[in-house]
């Protein structure tokens, strides 16, 4: 529940209401994470209140509707400490659409593979240029800068992966392209044999008649 724990982290220093938490989260993590949906945030807060990690109180406002104020409880601080000091372990594997695209390109042959790799390389280089601009713009925001550095490192690793894909998948794509005409020929031959067989059966029936 990473977002749940991020909300707990934002409540460690002072209570907040929902829209304040949304603004603080987006300011803290910067543009790489993306915005936080306010409806989803309120669902998170409801669960945190139900679990006893956050308490809710109502603040009366004279010129506006009353608002809910959320405060971190002792149980919430203990949960945050347990989560934030434990190493993160990847459990879902590496699911990236690029790997499925490589599967399709290899099946189509070496030209398709080269086209995909060249196109993807240009995309990653454009991403790196944009990330460099973001890094300069957020140089004085340490947490945001770390997240952008992670995105830069990840994108550079993806560029290296393309070189590996070209080296290791090129021969396989060539093999696939050679086998494809053979399969087509075998299929065509099978259709011809099947048609011929039917013709002989018709001829036998004619002679018998």
Protein backbone atom coordinates (compact mmCIF):
# COMPACT_ATOMS: atom_id res chain seq x y z
CA UNK A 1 0.00 0.00 0.00
CA UNK A 2 2.62 2.61 -0.96
CA UNK A 3 0.17 5.50 -1.36
CA UNK A 4 -1.39 4.72 2.01
CA UNK A 5 2.00 4.98 3.65
CA UNK A 6 2.87 8.14 1.74
CA UNK A 7 -0.24 9.75 3.23
CA UNK A 8 0.91 8.67 6.69
CA UNK A 9 4.29 10.29 5.97
CA UNK A 10 2.63 13.57 4.99
CA UNK A 11 0.69 13.59 8.27
CA UNK A 12 3.73 13.12 10.51
CA UNK A 13 4.31 16.83 11.13
CA UNK A 14 0.79 18.24 11.22
CA UNK A 15 -2.86 17.36 10.56
CA UNK A 16 -4.24 18.11 7.09
CA UNK A 17 -7.48 17.99 5.18
CA UNK A 18 -7.85 16.18 1.86
CA UNK A 19 -7.01 18.91 -0.64
CA UNK A 20 -3.99 20.01 1.41
CA UNK A 21 -2.71 16.43 1.36
CA UNK A 22 -3.20 16.23 -2.42
CA UNK A 23 -1.24 19.45 -2.97
CA UNK A 24 1.53 18.43 -0.57
CA UNK A 25 1.90 14.99 -2.17
CA UNK A 26 2.18 16.42 -5.69
CA UNK A 27 4.66 19.03 -4.51
CA UNK A 28 6.74 16.45 -2.64
CA UNK A 29 7.12 13.89 -5.44
CA UNK A 30 7.18 16.26 -8.42
CA UNK A 31 6.05 15.69 -12.02
CA UNK A 32 7.48 12.20 -12.54
CA UNK A 33 4.90 10.46 -10.36
CA UNK A 34 1.88 12.27 -11.72
CA UNK A 35 -1.15 13.77 -9.99
CA UNK A 36 -3.09 12.19 -7.15
CA UNK A 37 -6.81 11.73 -7.79
CA UNK A 38 -8.76 13.38 -4.97
CA UNK A 39 -11.43 10.67 -5.00
CA UNK A 40 -8.77 7.98 -4.60
CA UNK A 41 -7.15 10.00 -1.82
CA UNK A 42 -10.40 10.13 0.16
CA UNK A 43 -10.77 6.35 -0.26
CA UNK A 44 -7.28 5.97 1.19
CA UNK A 45 -8.12 8.25 4.11
CA UNK A 46 -11.32 6.30 4.83
CA UNK A 47 -9.32 3.08 5.03
CA UNK A 48 -6.63 4.64 7.21
CA UNK A 49 -9.32 5.89 9.61
CA UNK A 50 -10.94 2.45 9.64
CA UNK A 51 -7.59 0.78 10.37
CA UNK A 52 -6.91 3.17 13.25
CA UNK A 53 -3.85 4.76 11.63
CA UNK A 54 -5.51 8.16 11.22
CA UNK A 55 -8.15 9.98 13.25
CA UNK A 56 -10.72 12.33 11.75
CA UNK A 57 -12.20 15.46 13.25
CA UNK A 58 -14.48 18.13 11.84
CA UNK A 59 -13.51 21.76 11.64
CA UNK A 60 -16.30 24.33 11.50
CA UNK A 61 -15.89 27.15 8.99
CA UNK A 62 -18.07 30.24 8.97
CA UNK A 63 -17.85 31.10 5.29
CA UNK A 64 -17.38 27.60 3.86
CA UNK A 65 -18.69 24.08 4.45
CA UNK A 66 -17.14 22.26 7.40
CA UNK A 67 -14.03 20.26 6.54
CA UNK A 68 -12.53 17.03 7.83
CA UNK A 69 -9.11 17.21 9.43
CA UNK A 70 -6.95 14.07 9.49
CA UNK A 71 -4.37 13.39 12.20
CA UNK A 72 -1.76 10.63 12.45
CA UNK A 73 -2.30 8.28 15.41
CA UNK A 74 0.36 6.40 17.38
CA UNK A 75 -0.61 3.22 15.55
CA UNK A 76 -0.23 5.06 12.24
CA UNK A 77 3.25 6.29 13.17
CA UNK A 78 4.29 2.77 14.15
CA UNK A 79 2.95 1.41 10.84
CA UNK A 80 4.80 4.11 8.91
CA UNK A 81 8.05 3.40 10.75
CA UNK A 82 7.78 -0.34 10.08
CA UNK A 83 7.13 0.23 6.37
CA UNK A 84 9.63 3.04 5.79
CA UNK A 85 12.56 1.21 7.39
CA UNK A 86 12.03 -2.12 5.58
CA UNK A 87 13.71 -2.86 2.23
CA UNK A 88 11.47 -2.91 -0.84
CA UNK A 89 11.27 -6.28 -2.59
CA UNK A 90 10.00 -6.61 -6.15
CA UNK A 91 7.20 -9.17 -6.24
CA UNK A 92 5.46 -8.56 -9.57
CA UNK A 93 8.26 -9.33 -12.03
CA UNK A 94 9.19 -7.06 -14.93
CA UNK A 95 6.11 -6.31 -17.00
CA UNK A 96 6.98 -3.84 -19.70
CA UNK A 97 5.09 -3.55 -22.99
CA UNK A 98 8.43 -3.22 -24.77
CA UNK A 99 9.10 -6.93 -24.20
CA UNK A 100 5.80 -7.82 -25.88
CA UNK A 101 6.66 -5.48 -28.77
CA UNK A 102 10.01 -7.25 -29.13
CA UNK A 103 8.14 -10.56 -29.27
CA UNK A 104 6.01 -9.24 -32.13
CA UNK A 105 8.92 -7.66 -34.00
CA UNK A 106 11.01 -10.85 -33.81
CA UNK A 107 8.09 -12.81 -35.24
CA UNK A 108 7.92 -10.39 -38.20
CA UNK A 109 11.62 -10.61 -38.99
CA UNK A 110 14.84 -8.54 -38.79
CA UNK A 111 13.52 -5.44 -40.57
CA UNK A 112 10.64 -5.08 -38.11
CA UNK A 113 13.01 -5.61 -35.19
CA UNK A 114 15.38 -2.91 -36.47
CA UNK A 115 12.49 -0.49 -37.00
CA UNK A 116 11.22 -1.01 -33.46
CA UNK A 117 14.65 -0.66 -31.86
CA UNK A 118 15.49 2.52 -33.81
CA UNK A 119 12.12 4.08 -32.99
CA UNK A 120 12.36 3.12 -29.32
CA UNK A 121 15.89 4.50 -29.07
CA UNK A 122 14.74 7.90 -30.35
CA UNK A 123 11.88 7.87 -27.85
CA UNK A 124 14.24 7.18 -24.95
CA UNK A 125 16.65 9.90 -26.09
CA UNK A 126 13.76 12.39 -26.19
CA UNK A 127 12.72 11.29 -22.70
CA UNK A 128 16.26 11.84 -21.43
CA UNK A 129 16.29 15.36 -22.83
CA UNK A 130 13.02 16.14 -21.07
CA UNK A 131 14.22 14.62 -17.82
CA UNK A 132 17.40 16.72 -17.95
CA UNK A 133 15.26 19.86 -18.18
CA UNK A 134 13.13 18.71 -15.23
CA UNK A 135 16.26 17.95 -13.22
CA UNK A 136 17.55 21.49 -13.70
CA UNK A 137 14.14 22.96 -12.84
CA UNK A 138 13.90 20.98 -9.57
CA UNK A 139 17.54 21.10 -8.49
CA UNK A 140 16.59 22.74 -5.18
CA UNK A 141 13.93 20.11 -4.30
CA UNK A 142 15.87 17.09 -2.98
CA UNK A 143 13.09 14.48 -3.00
CA UNK A 144 11.88 15.44 -6.47
CA UNK A 145 15.48 15.49 -7.73
CA UNK A 146 16.06 11.94 -6.47
CA UNK A 147 12.94 10.71 -8.26
CA UNK A 148 14.04 12.38 -11.50
CA UNK A 149 17.53 10.87 -11.10
CA UNK A 150 15.89 7.47 -10.79
CA UNK A 151 13.92 8.07 -14.00
CA UNK A 152 17.13 9.11 -15.79
CA UNK A 153 18.99 6.01 -14.61
CA UNK A 154 16.07 3.78 -15.61
CA UNK A 155 15.86 5.32 -19.08
CA UNK A 156 19.62 4.94 -19.61
CA UNK A 157 19.31 1.28 -18.61
CA UNK A 158 16.49 0.89 -21.14
CA UNK A 159 18.78 2.30 -23.83
CA UNK A 160 21.35 -0.35 -22.95
CA UNK A 161 18.63 -2.98 -23.16
CA UNK A 162 17.99 -2.01 -26.79
CA UNK A 163 21.61 -2.79 -27.66
CA UNK A 164 21.25 -6.16 -25.95
CA UNK A 165 17.99 -6.83 -27.82
CA UNK A 166 19.62 -6.06 -31.17
CA UNK A 167 22.53 -8.39 -30.39
CA UNK A 168 20.58 -11.34 -29.02
CA UNK A 169 17.29 -11.14 -30.92
CA UNK A 170 18.68 -10.28 -34.36
CA UNK A 171 19.64 -13.89 -35.22
CA UNK A 172 16.30 -15.15 -33.91
CA UNK A 173 14.40 -12.65 -36.05
CA UNK A 174 16.40 -13.79 -39.10
CA UNK A 175 15.54 -17.41 -38.36
CA UNK A 176 11.87 -16.54 -38.01
CA UNK A 177 11.85 -14.75 -41.37
CA UNK A 178 13.41 -17.80 -43.07
CA UNK A 179 10.94 -20.18 -41.49
CA UNK A 180 7.92 -18.07 -42.40
CA UNK A 181 8.05 -18.80 -46.19
CA UNK A 182 8.61 -22.47 -45.42
CA UNK A 183 5.48 -22.55 -43.29
CA UNK A 184 3.53 -20.73 -46.00
CA UNK A 185 4.74 -23.20 -48.63
CA UNK A 186 3.86 -26.16 -46.44
CA UNK A 187 0.40 -24.72 -45.83
CA UNK A 188 -0.15 -24.12 -49.54
CA UNK A 189 1.02 -27.65 -50.37
CA UNK A 190 -1.38 -29.04 -47.79
CA UNK A 191 -4.27 -27.13 -49.35
CA UNK A 192 -3.34 -28.46 -52.81
CA UNK A 193 -3.17 -32.05 -51.60
CA UNK A 194 -6.52 -31.69 -49.89
CA UNK A 195 -8.13 -30.30 -53.04
CA UNK A 196 -6.60 -33.05 -55.16
CA UNK A 197 -7.87 -35.69 -52.81
CA UNK A 198 -11.39 -34.39 -53.11
CA UNK A 199 -11.09 -34.44 -56.92
CA UNK A 200 -10.13 -38.12 -56.93
CA UNK A 201 -13.10 -38.93 -54.75
CA UNK A 202 -15.40 -37.15 -57.19
CA UNK A 203 -13.81 -39.08 -60.07
CA UNK A 204 -14.33 -42.43 -58.30
CA UNK A 205 -17.97 -41.63 -57.77
CA UNK A 206 -18.36 -40.73 -61.48
CA UNK A 207 -16.86 -44.02 -62.67
CA UNK A 208 -19.05 -46.00 -60.31
CA UNK A 209 -22.11 -44.27 -61.66
